[in-house]
PDB file of N, CA and C in Angstrom:
ATOM      1  N   MET A   1     158.543 105.208-119.849  1.00  0.00           N
ATOM      2  CA  MET A   1     157.523 105.313-120.888  1.00  0.00           C
ATOM      3  C   MET A   1     156.079 104.654-120.647  1.00  0.00           C
ATOM      4  N   THR A   2     154.860 105.671-120.620  1.00  0.00           N
ATOM      5  CA  THR A   2     153.465 104.726-120.137  1.00  0.00           C
ATOM      6  C   THR A   2     153.269 103.582-120.862  1.00  0.00           C
ATOM      7  N   LYS A   3     151.991 103.476-120.576  1.00  0.00           N
ATOM      8  CA  LYS A   3     151.083 101.975-121.522  1.00  0.00           C
ATOM      9  C   LYS A   3     150.934 103.200-122.788  1.00  0.00           C
ATOM     10  N   TYR A   4     150.151 104.074-122.651  1.00  0.00           N
ATOM     11  CA  TYR A   4     149.532 104.988-123.614  1.00  0.00           C
ATOM     12  C   TYR A   4     150.611 105.125-125.074  1.00  0.00           C
ATOM     13  N   ASN A   5     151.764 106.090-124.431  1.00  0.00           N
ATOM     14  CA  ASN A   5     152.469 106.507-125.075  1.00  0.00           C
ATOM     15  C   ASN A   5     153.298 105.307-126.166  1.00  0.00           C
ATOM     16  N   LYS A   6     153.439 104.373-125.286  1.00  0.00           N
ATOM     17  CA  LYS A   6     153.659 102.967-125.954  1.00  0.00           C
ATOM     18  C   LYS A   6     152.517 102.925-127.506  1.00  0.00           C
ATOM     19  N   ILE A   7     151.934 102.995-126.991  1.00  0.00           N
ATOM     20  CA  ILE A   7     150.659 102.662-127.929  1.00  0.00           C
ATOM     21  C   ILE A   7     150.712 103.322-128.938  1.00  0.00           C
ATOM     22  N   ALA A   8     151.007 104.679-128.656  1.00  0.00           N
ATOM     23  CA  ALA A   8     151.134 105.957-129.702  1.00  0.00           C
ATOM     24  C   ALA A   8     152.290 105.700-130.229  1.00  0.00           C
ATOM     25  N   PHE A   9     152.864 105.548-130.184  1.00  0.00           N
ATOM     26  CA  PHE A   9     154.264 105.744-130.908  1.00  0.00           C
ATOM     27  C   PHE A   9     154.427 104.446-131.493  1.00  0.00           C
ATOM     28  N   VAL A  10     154.402 102.702-131.096  1.00  0.00           N
ATOM     29  CA  VAL A  10     153.823 101.994-132.403  1.00  0.00           C
ATOM     30  C   VAL A  10     153.037 101.838-133.616  1.00  0.00           C
ATOM     31  N   ALA A  11     152.132 103.227-132.964  1.00  0.00           N
ATOM     32  CA  ALA A  11     151.020 103.383-134.425  1.00  0.00           C
ATOM     33  C   ALA A  11     151.672 104.260-135.100  1.00  0.00           C
ATOM     34  N   VAL A  12     152.185 105.067-134.733  1.00  0.00           N
ATOM     35  CA  VAL A  12     153.039 105.706-135.659  1.00  0.00           C
ATOM     36  C   VAL A  12     154.252 105.444-136.075  1.00  0.00           C
ATOM     37  N   LEU A  13     154.483 104.519-135.925  1.00  0.00           N
ATOM     38  CA  LEU A  13     155.863 103.942-136.576  1.00  0.00           C
ATOM     39  C   LEU A  13     155.258 103.151-137.763  1.00  0.00           C
ATOM     40  N   PHE A  14     154.114 102.153-137.613  1.00  0.00           N
ATOM     41  CA  PHE A  14     153.202 101.756-138.899  1.00  0.00           C
ATOM     42  C   PHE A  14     152.763 102.206-139.785  1.00  0.00           C
ATOM     43  N   ALA A  15     152.283 103.362-138.949  1.00  0.00           N
ATOM     44  CA  ALA A  15     151.578 104.105-140.191  1.00  0.00           C
ATOM     45  C   ALA A  15     153.005 104.850-141.044  1.00  0.00           C
ATOM     46  N   LEU A  16     153.519 105.429-140.706  1.00  0.00           N
ATOM     47  CA  LEU A  16     154.860 106.077-141.342  1.00  0.00           C
ATOM     48  C   LEU A  16     155.688 104.919-142.239  1.00  0.00           C
ATOM     49  N   ALA A  17     155.882 103.800-141.638  1.00  0.00           N
ATOM     50  CA  ALA A  17     156.665 102.784-142.261  1.00  0.00           C
ATOM     51  C   ALA A  17     155.640 102.070-143.783  1.00  0.00           C
ATOM     52  N   GLY A  18     154.000 102.145-143.126  1.00  0.00           N
ATOM     53  CA  GLY A  18     153.419 101.716-144.804  1.00  0.00           C
ATOM     54  C   GLY A  18     153.007 103.627-145.492  1.00  0.00           C
ATOM     55  N   VAL A  19     153.401 104.581-145.184  1.00  0.00           N
ATOM     56  CA  VAL A  19     153.966 105.362-146.173  1.00  0.00           C
ATOM     57  C   VAL A  19     154.782 105.443-147.184  1.00  0.00           C
ATOM     58  N   ALA A  20     156.240 105.116-146.073  1.00  0.00           N
ATOM     59  CA  ALA A  20     157.384 105.108-146.567  1.00  0.00           C
ATOM     60  C   ALA A  20     157.386 103.747-147.504  1.00  0.00           C
ATOM     61  N   GLY A  21     157.119 102.836-147.648  1.00  0.00           N
ATOM     62  CA  GLY A  21     156.767 101.848-148.375  1.00  0.00           C
ATOM     63  C   GLY A  21     156.265 101.646-149.697  1.00  0.00           C
ATOM     64  N   ALA A  22     155.248 102.667-150.025  1.00  0.00           N
ATOM     65  CA  ALA A  22     153.992 103.207-151.123  1.00  0.00           C
ATOM     66  C   ALA A  22     154.749 104.507-151.817  1.00  0.00           C
ATOM     67  N   GLN A  23     156.301 104.147-152.165  1.00  0.00           N
ATOM     68  CA  GLN A  23     156.880 105.391-153.018  1.00  0.00           C
ATOM     69  C   GLN A  23     156.934 104.625-154.693  1.00  0.00           C
ATOM     70  N   ASP A  24     156.180 105.753-155.384  1.00  0.00           N
ATOM     71  CA  ASP A  24     156.532 106.186-157.044  1.00  0.00           C
ATOM     72  C   ASP A  24     157.183 105.968-157.579  1.00  0.00           C
ATOM     73  N   THR A  25     157.961 105.942-158.400  1.00  0.00           N
ATOM     74  CA  THR A  25     158.919 105.804-159.395  1.00  0.00           C
ATOM     75  C   THR A  25     158.789 107.160-159.947  1.00  0.00           C
ATOM     76  N   VAL A  26     157.612 107.181-160.978  1.00  0.00           N
ATOM     77  CA  VAL A  26     157.113 108.869-161.382  1.00  0.00           C
ATOM     78  C   VAL A  26     155.839 109.943-160.949  1.00  0.00           C
ATOM     79  N   THR A  27     156.178 110.675-160.147  1.00  0.00           N
ATOM     80  CA  THR A  27     154.806 111.318-159.516  1.00  0.00           C
ATOM     81  C   THR A  27     154.687 112.551-159.861  1.00  0.00           C
ATOM     82  N   THR A  28     153.063 112.960-159.858  1.00  0.00           N
ATOM     83  CA  THR A  28     152.906 114.438-159.945  1.00  0.00           C
ATOM     84  C   THR A  28     153.205 114.651-158.636  1.00  0.00           C
ATOM     85  N   GLY A  29     153.171 116.007-158.513  1.00  0.00           N
ATOM     86  CA  GLY A  29     153.051 116.585-157.177  1.00  0.00           C
ATOM     87  C   GLY A  29     151.721 117.273-156.759  1.00  0.00           C
ATOM     88  N   ALA A  30     150.552 116.724-157.489  1.00  0.00           N
ATOM     89  CA  ALA A  30     149.132 116.219-156.902  1.00  0.00           C
ATOM     90  C   ALA A  30     148.831 115.230-156.388  1.00  0.00           C
ATOM     91  N   ALA A  31     149.790 114.145-157.001  1.00  0.00           N
ATOM     92  CA  ALA A  31     149.151 112.725-156.314  1.00  0.00           C
ATOM     93  C   ALA A  31     150.067 112.946-155.046  1.00  0.00           C
ATOM     94  N   ASN A  32     150.638 113.533-154.580  1.00  0.00           N
ATOM     95  CA  ASN A  32     151.679 113.437-153.225  1.00  0.00           C
ATOM     96  C   ASN A  32     151.147 114.668-152.535  1.00  0.00           C
ATOM     97  N   ASN A  33     150.464 115.545-152.469  1.00  0.00           N
ATOM     98  CA  ASN A  33     149.865 115.936-152.093  1.00  0.00           C
ATOM     99  C   ASN A  33     148.338 115.776-151.838  1.00  0.00           C
ATOM    100  N   GLU A  34     147.508 114.919-152.542  1.00  0.00           N
ATOM    101  CA  GLU A  34     146.506 113.946-152.144  1.00  0.00           C
ATOM    102  C   GLU A  34     147.286 113.299-150.979  1.00  0.00           C
ATOM    103  N   GLY A  35     147.756 112.091-151.155  1.00  0.00           N
ATOM    104  CA  GLY A  35     147.860 111.261-149.779  1.00  0.00           C
ATOM    105  C   GLY A  35     148.370 112.186-148.527  1.00  0.00           C
ATOM    106  N   LEU A  36     148.888 112.955-148.836  1.00  0.00           N
ATOM    107  CA  LEU A  36     149.450 113.808-147.416  1.00  0.00           C
ATOM    108  C   LEU A  36     147.691 114.828-146.599  1.00  0.00           C
ATOM    109  N   ALA A  37     147.336 114.866-147.755  1.00  0.00           N
ATOM    110  CA  ALA A  37     145.837 115.491-147.288  1.00  0.00           C
ATOM    111  C   ALA A  37     145.135 114.213-146.840  1.00  0.00           C
ATOM    112  N   ALA A  38     145.214 113.246-147.168  1.00  0.00           N
ATOM    113  CA  ALA A  38     144.235 112.246-146.792  1.00  0.00           C
ATOM    114  C   ALA A  38     144.886 111.707-145.048  1.00  0.00           C
ATOM    115  N   ILE A  39     146.717 111.272-145.268  1.00  0.00           N
ATOM    116  CA  ILE A  39     146.480 111.533-143.719  1.00  0.00           C
ATOM    117  C   ILE A  39     146.560 112.813-142.764  1.00  0.00           C
ATOM    118  N   GLY A  40     146.388 113.830-143.603  1.00  0.00           N
ATOM    119  CA  GLY A  40     146.343 114.646-142.372  1.00  0.00           C
ATOM    120  C   GLY A  40     144.576 114.735-142.302  1.00  0.00           C
ATOM    121  N   LYS A  41     143.995 114.624-143.052  1.00  0.00           N
ATOM    122  CA  LYS A  41     142.810 114.393-142.357  1.00  0.00           C
ATOM    123  C   LYS A  41     142.418 113.376-141.836  1.00  0.00           C
ATOM    124  N   GLY A  42     143.075 112.493-141.973  1.00  0.00           N
ATOM    125  CA  GLY A  42     142.714 111.059-140.760  1.00  0.00           C
ATOM    126  C   GLY A  42     143.575 111.664-139.435  1.00  0.00           C
ATOM    127  N   LEU A  43     144.609 112.385-139.372  1.00  0.00           N
ATOM    128  CA  LEU A  43     144.874 112.544-138.391  1.00  0.00           C
ATOM    129  C   LEU A  43     143.925 113.409-137.564  1.00  0.00           C
ATOM    130  N   ALA A  44     143.528 114.599-138.028  1.00  0.00           N
ATOM    131  CA  ALA A  44     142.243 115.744-137.868  1.00  0.00           C
ATOM    132  C   ALA A  44     141.005 114.797-136.779  1.00  0.00           C
ATOM    133  N   LEU A  45     140.913 114.256-137.761  1.00  0.00           N
ATOM    134  CA  LEU A  45     139.608 113.598-137.098  1.00  0.00           C
ATOM    135  C   LEU A  45     140.189 112.176-136.048  1.00  0.00           C
ATOM    136  N   GLY A  46     141.139 111.250-136.050  1.00  0.00           N
ATOM    137  CA  GLY A  46     141.632 110.351-135.078  1.00  0.00           C
ATOM    138  C   GLY A  46     141.746 110.847-133.873  1.00  0.00           C
ATOM    139  N   LEU A  47     142.928 111.601-134.105  1.00  0.00           N
ATOM    140  CA  LEU A  47     143.130 112.329-133.138  1.00  0.00           C
ATOM    141  C   LEU A  47     142.150 112.947-131.973  1.00  0.00           C
ATOM    142  N   GLY A  48     141.723 113.716-132.545  1.00  0.00           N
ATOM    143  CA  GLY A  48     140.276 114.554-131.624  1.00  0.00           C
ATOM    144  C   GLY A  48     139.561 113.602-131.062  1.00  0.00           C
ATOM    145  N   ALA A  49     139.159 112.202-131.596  1.00  0.00           N
ATOM    146  CA  ALA A  49     138.397 111.565-130.729  1.00  0.00           C
ATOM    147  C   ALA A  49     139.095 110.839-129.870  1.00  0.00           C
ATOM    148  N   VAL A  50     140.333 110.758-130.021  1.00  0.00           N
ATOM    149  CA  VAL A  50     141.023 109.943-128.906  1.00  0.00           C
ATOM    150  C   VAL A  50     140.939 110.642-127.790  1.00  0.00           C
ATOM    151  N   GLY A  51     141.540 112.603-127.960  1.00  0.00           N
ATOM    152  CA  GLY A  51     142.043 113.335-127.129  1.00  0.00           C
ATOM    153  C   GLY A  51     140.127 113.636-126.242  1.00  0.00           C
ATOM    154  N   THR A  52     139.382 113.351-127.195  1.00  0.00           N
ATOM    155  CA  THR A  52     138.160 113.378-126.480  1.00  0.00           C
ATOM    156  C   THR A  52     137.807 112.043-125.633  1.00  0.00           C
ATOM    157  N   GLY A  53     137.984 110.961-125.945  1.00  0.00           N
ATOM    158  CA  GLY A  53     137.789 109.502-125.213  1.00  0.00           C
ATOM    159  C   GLY A  53     138.303 109.847-123.772  1.00  0.00           C
ATOM    160  N   LEU A  54     140.547 110.157-123.412  1.00  0.00           N
ATOM    161  CA  LEU A  54     140.726 110.582-122.994  1.00  0.00           C
ATOM    162  C   LEU A  54     139.901 111.349-121.816  1.00  0.00           C
ATOM    163  N   ALA A  55     139.235 112.245-122.134  1.00  0.00           N
ATOM    164  CA  ALA A  55     139.077 113.849-121.336  1.00  0.00           C
ATOM    165  C   ALA A  55     138.003 113.290-120.735  1.00  0.00           C
ATOM    166  N   GLN A  56     137.061 112.554-121.532  1.00  0.00           N
ATOM    167  CA  GLN A  56     135.525 112.277-120.791  1.00  0.00           C
ATOM    168  C   GLN A  56     135.675 110.869-119.687  1.00  0.00           C
ATOM    169  N   ALA A  57     137.068 110.205-120.242  1.00  0.00           N
ATOM    170  CA  ALA A  57     137.164 109.052-118.968  1.00  0.00           C
ATOM    171  C   ALA A  57     137.422 109.104-118.147  1.00  0.00           C
ATOM    172  N   ARG A  58     137.779 111.029-118.012  1.00  0.00           N
ATOM    173  CA  ARG A  58     138.836 111.085-116.407  1.00  0.00           C
ATOM    174  C   ARG A  58     137.452 111.600-115.979  1.00  0.00           C
ATOM    175  N   ILE A  59     136.755 112.957-116.620  1.00  0.00           N
ATOM    176  CA  ILE A  59     135.407 113.912-116.373  1.00  0.00           C
ATOM    177  C   ILE A  59     134.509 113.156-115.478  1.00  0.00           C
ATOM    178  N   GLY A  60     134.129 112.293-116.664  1.00  0.00           N
ATOM    179  CA  GLY A  60     132.962 110.635-116.034  1.00  0.00           C
ATOM    180  C   GLY A  60     133.049 110.708-114.990  1.00  0.00           C
ATOM    181  N   SER A  61     134.535 109.794-114.546  1.00  0.00           N
ATOM    182  CA  SER A  61     134.015 109.266-112.794  1.00  0.00           C
ATOM    183  C   SER A  61     134.420 110.374-111.936  1.00  0.00           C
ATOM    184  N   SER A  62     134.942 111.456-112.331  1.00  0.00           N
ATOM    185  CA  SER A  62     134.766 112.484-111.825  1.00  0.00           C
ATOM    186  C   SER A  62     133.157 113.001-111.324  1.00  0.00           C
ATOM    187  N   LEU A  63     132.617 112.848-112.582  1.00  0.00           N
ATOM    188  CA  LEU A  63     131.003 113.080-112.587  1.00  0.00           C
ATOM    189  C   LEU A  63     130.458 112.108-112.015  1.00  0.00           C
ATOM    190  N   VAL A  64     130.470 111.539-111.710  1.00  0.00           N
ATOM    191  CA  VAL A  64     129.532 109.886-111.422  1.00  0.00           C
ATOM    192  C   VAL A  64     130.122 110.255-109.363  1.00  0.00           C
ATOM    193  N   GLY A  65     130.923 110.908-109.433  1.00  0.00           N
ATOM    194  CA  GLY A  65     131.450 110.855-108.044  1.00  0.00           C
ATOM    195  C   GLY A  65     130.867 111.920-107.322  1.00  0.00           C
ATOM    196  N   ALA A  66     130.497 112.890-107.920  1.00  0.00           N
ATOM    197  CA  ALA A  66     130.166 114.395-107.826  1.00  0.00           C
ATOM    198  C   ALA A  66     128.480 114.408-107.696  1.00  0.00           C
ATOM    199  N   VAL A  67     128.106 113.753-108.365  1.00  0.00           N
ATOM    200  CA  VAL A  67     126.417 113.147-108.543  1.00  0.00           C
ATOM    201  C   VAL A  67     126.218 112.426-107.335  1.00  0.00           C
ATOM    202  N   ALA A  68     127.076 111.160-106.837  1.00  0.00           N
ATOM    203  CA  ALA A  68     126.466 111.067-105.867  1.00  0.00           C
ATOM    204  C   ALA A  68     126.552 111.438-104.808  1.00  0.00           C
ATOM    205  N   GLU A  69     126.943 112.737-104.457  1.00  0.00           N
ATOM    206  CA  GLU A  69     127.076 113.450-103.286  1.00  0.00           C
ATOM    207  C   GLU A  69     126.250 114.804-103.489  1.00  0.00           C
ATOM    208  N   ASP A  70     125.908 114.736-104.530  1.00  0.00           N
ATOM    209  CA  ASP A  70     124.631 116.303-104.596  1.00  0.00           C
ATOM    210  C   ASP A  70     123.896 116.051-105.936  1.00  0.00           C
ATOM    211  N   PRO A  71     123.127 115.149-106.076  1.00  0.00           N
ATOM    212  CA  PRO A  71     121.881 115.403-107.122  1.00  0.00           C
ATOM    213  C   PRO A  71     121.902 116.031-108.325  1.00  0.00           C
ATOM    214  N   SER A  72     121.574 117.731-107.031  1.00  0.00           N
ATOM    215  CA  SER A  72     121.209 118.868-107.948  1.00  0.00           C
ATOM    216  C   SER A  72     122.426 119.326-108.605  1.00  0.00           C
ATOM    217  N   LYS A  73     123.560 118.971-108.937  1.00  0.00           N
ATOM    218  CA  LYS A  73     124.405 119.584-109.512  1.00  0.00           C
ATOM    219  C   LYS A  73     123.923 118.693-110.874  1.00  0.00           C
ATOM    220  N   PHE A  74     123.710 118.106-111.114  1.00  0.00           N
ATOM    221  CA  PHE A  74     123.438 117.105-112.355  1.00  0.00           C
ATOM    222  C   PHE A  74     123.582 117.520-113.613  1.00  0.00           C
ATOM    223  N   GLY A  75     122.809 118.978-114.007  1.00  0.00           N
ATOM    224  CA  GLY A  75     122.894 119.697-115.054  1.00  0.00           C
ATOM    225  C   GLY A  75     124.109 120.591-115.610  1.00  0.00           C
ATOM    226  N   GLN A  76     124.579 120.996-114.352  1.00  0.00           N
ATOM    227  CA  GLN A  76     125.707 122.224-114.275  1.00  0.00           C
ATOM    228  C   GLN A  76     127.178 120.413-114.762  1.00  0.00           C
ATOM    229  N   LEU A  77     127.067 119.394-114.320  1.00  0.00           N
ATOM    230  CA  LEU A  77     128.194 118.677-114.300  1.00  0.00           C
ATOM    231  C   LEU A  77     128.113 117.951-116.002  1.00  0.00           C
ATOM    232  N   LEU A  78     126.927 118.012-116.183  1.00  0.00           N
ATOM    233  CA  LEU A  78     126.457 116.980-117.490  1.00  0.00           C
ATOM    234  C   LEU A  78     127.624 118.147-118.122  1.00  0.00           C
ATOM    235  N   LEU A  79     127.242 119.027-118.373  1.00  0.00           N
ATOM    236  CA  LEU A  79     127.954 120.341-119.322  1.00  0.00           C
ATOM    237  C   LEU A  79     129.322 120.129-119.444  1.00  0.00           C
ATOM    238  N   VAL A  80     129.962 120.506-118.241  1.00  0.00           N
ATOM    239  CA  VAL A  80     131.425 120.270-118.407  1.00  0.00           C
ATOM    240  C   VAL A  80     131.827 118.868-119.132  1.00  0.00           C
ATOM    241  N   PHE A  81     131.207 117.805-119.154  1.00  0.00           N
ATOM    242  CA  PHE A  81     131.373 115.946-119.610  1.00  0.00           C
ATOM    243  C   PHE A  81     130.972 116.511-120.427  1.00  0.00           C
ATOM    244  N   LEU A  82     130.069 117.204-121.206  1.00  0.00           N
ATOM    245  CA  LEU A  82     129.854 117.711-122.916  1.00  0.00           C
ATOM    246  C   LEU A  82     131.468 118.384-123.274  1.00  0.00           C
ATOM    247  N   LEU A  83     131.738 119.151-122.947  1.00  0.00           N
ATOM    248  CA  LEU A  83     132.855 119.554-123.880  1.00  0.00           C
ATOM    249  C   LEU A  83     133.536 119.174-124.272  1.00  0.00           C
ATOM    250  N   PRO A  84     134.485 118.213-123.920  1.00  0.00           N
ATOM    251  CA  PRO A  84     135.676 117.993-124.838  1.00  0.00           C
ATOM    252  C   PRO A  84     134.927 117.263-125.928  1.00  0.00           C
ATOM    253  N   GLU A  85     133.591 116.953-126.184  1.00  0.00           N
ATOM    254  CA  GLU A  85     132.961 116.350-127.430  1.00  0.00           C
ATOM    255  C   GLU A  85     133.388 117.728-128.609  1.00  0.00           C
ATOM    256  N   THR A  86     133.558 118.992-127.905  1.00  0.00           N
ATOM    257  CA  THR A  86     133.652 120.078-129.265  1.00  0.00           C
ATOM    258  C   THR A  86     135.175 119.417-130.022  1.00  0.00           C
ATOM    259  N   LEU A  87     135.889 118.737-129.400  1.00  0.00           N
ATOM    260  CA  LEU A  87     137.360 118.650-130.150  1.00  0.00           C
ATOM    261  C   LEU A  87     136.749 117.517-131.217  1.00  0.00           C
ATOM    262  N   VAL A  88     136.156 116.823-131.428  1.00  0.00           N
ATOM    263  CA  VAL A  88     135.596 115.724-132.308  1.00  0.00           C
ATOM    264  C   VAL A  88     134.992 116.342-133.719  1.00  0.00           C
ATOM    265  N   ILE A  89     134.058 117.574-132.851  1.00  0.00           N
ATOM    266  CA  ILE A  89     133.846 118.399-133.968  1.00  0.00           C
ATOM    267  C   ILE A  89     134.171 119.494-134.723  1.00  0.00           C
ATOM    268  N   LEU A  90     136.110 119.568-134.115  1.00  0.00           N
ATOM    269  CA  LEU A  90     136.189 120.835-134.745  1.00  0.00           C
ATOM    270  C   LEU A  90     137.411 119.762-135.309  1.00  0.00           C
ATOM    271  N   GLY A  91     137.753 118.442-135.155  1.00  0.00           N
ATOM    272  CA  GLY A  91     138.474 117.352-136.142  1.00  0.00           C
ATOM    273  C   GLY A  91     137.859 117.293-137.159  1.00  0.00           C
ATOM    274  N   PHE A  92     136.532 117.452-136.853  1.00  0.00           N
ATOM    275  CA  PHE A  92     135.446 117.130-138.282  1.00  0.00           C
ATOM    276  C   PHE A  92     135.601 118.234-139.549  1.00  0.00           C
ATOM    277  N   VAL A  93     135.337 119.259-138.876  1.00  0.00           N
ATOM    278  CA  VAL A  93     135.378 120.742-139.297  1.00  0.00           C
ATOM    279  C   VAL A  93     136.715 121.016-140.279  1.00  0.00           C
ATOM    280  N   GLY A  94     138.040 120.420-139.307  1.00  0.00           N
ATOM    281  CA  GLY A  94     139.405 120.493-140.042  1.00  0.00           C
ATOM    282  C   GLY A  94     139.526 119.675-140.911  1.00  0.00           C
ATOM    283  N   LEU A  95     138.770 118.577-140.971  1.00  0.00           N
ATOM    284  CA  LEU A  95     138.882 116.699-141.991  1.00  0.00           C
ATOM    285  C   LEU A  95     138.223 118.139-143.476  1.00  0.00           C
ATOM    286  N   PHE A  96     136.969 118.613-143.297  1.00  0.00           N
ATOM    287  CA  PHE A  96     136.393 119.211-144.581  1.00  0.00           C
ATOM    288  C   PHE A  96     137.491 120.550-145.123  1.00  0.00           C
ATOM    289  N   LEU A  97     137.943 120.765-144.257  1.00  0.00           N
ATOM    290  CA  LEU A  97     139.043 122.305-143.974  1.00  0.00           C
ATOM    291  C   LEU A  97     140.406 121.467-144.874  1.00  0.00           C
ATOM    292  N   ILE A  98     140.634 120.452-144.903  1.00  0.00           N
ATOM    293  CA  ILE A  98     142.045 120.078-145.743  1.00  0.00           C
ATOM    294  C   ILE A  98     141.744 119.790-146.869  1.00  0.00           C
TER     295      ILE A  98
END
């Protein structure tokens, strides 16, 4: 297991443990659905942001090396660097669709 996998596993474990301990004796169906919708909204935006951060970290280091060799390609490479940002935008849209 890599370091990132361990961190993600512990984060999911703590999130699920908190949800499991917060049970009501008598609930309606709407109350349960609201809680699950809130978890889904958080996951939609949060996982999109984490994915973007990981992608841009690797792309950014490659971008700096490529621009150091040929500065005329900066505009084209900047577009490639900004493409993963659409993950956060799609996660933000999904937040409102849930």
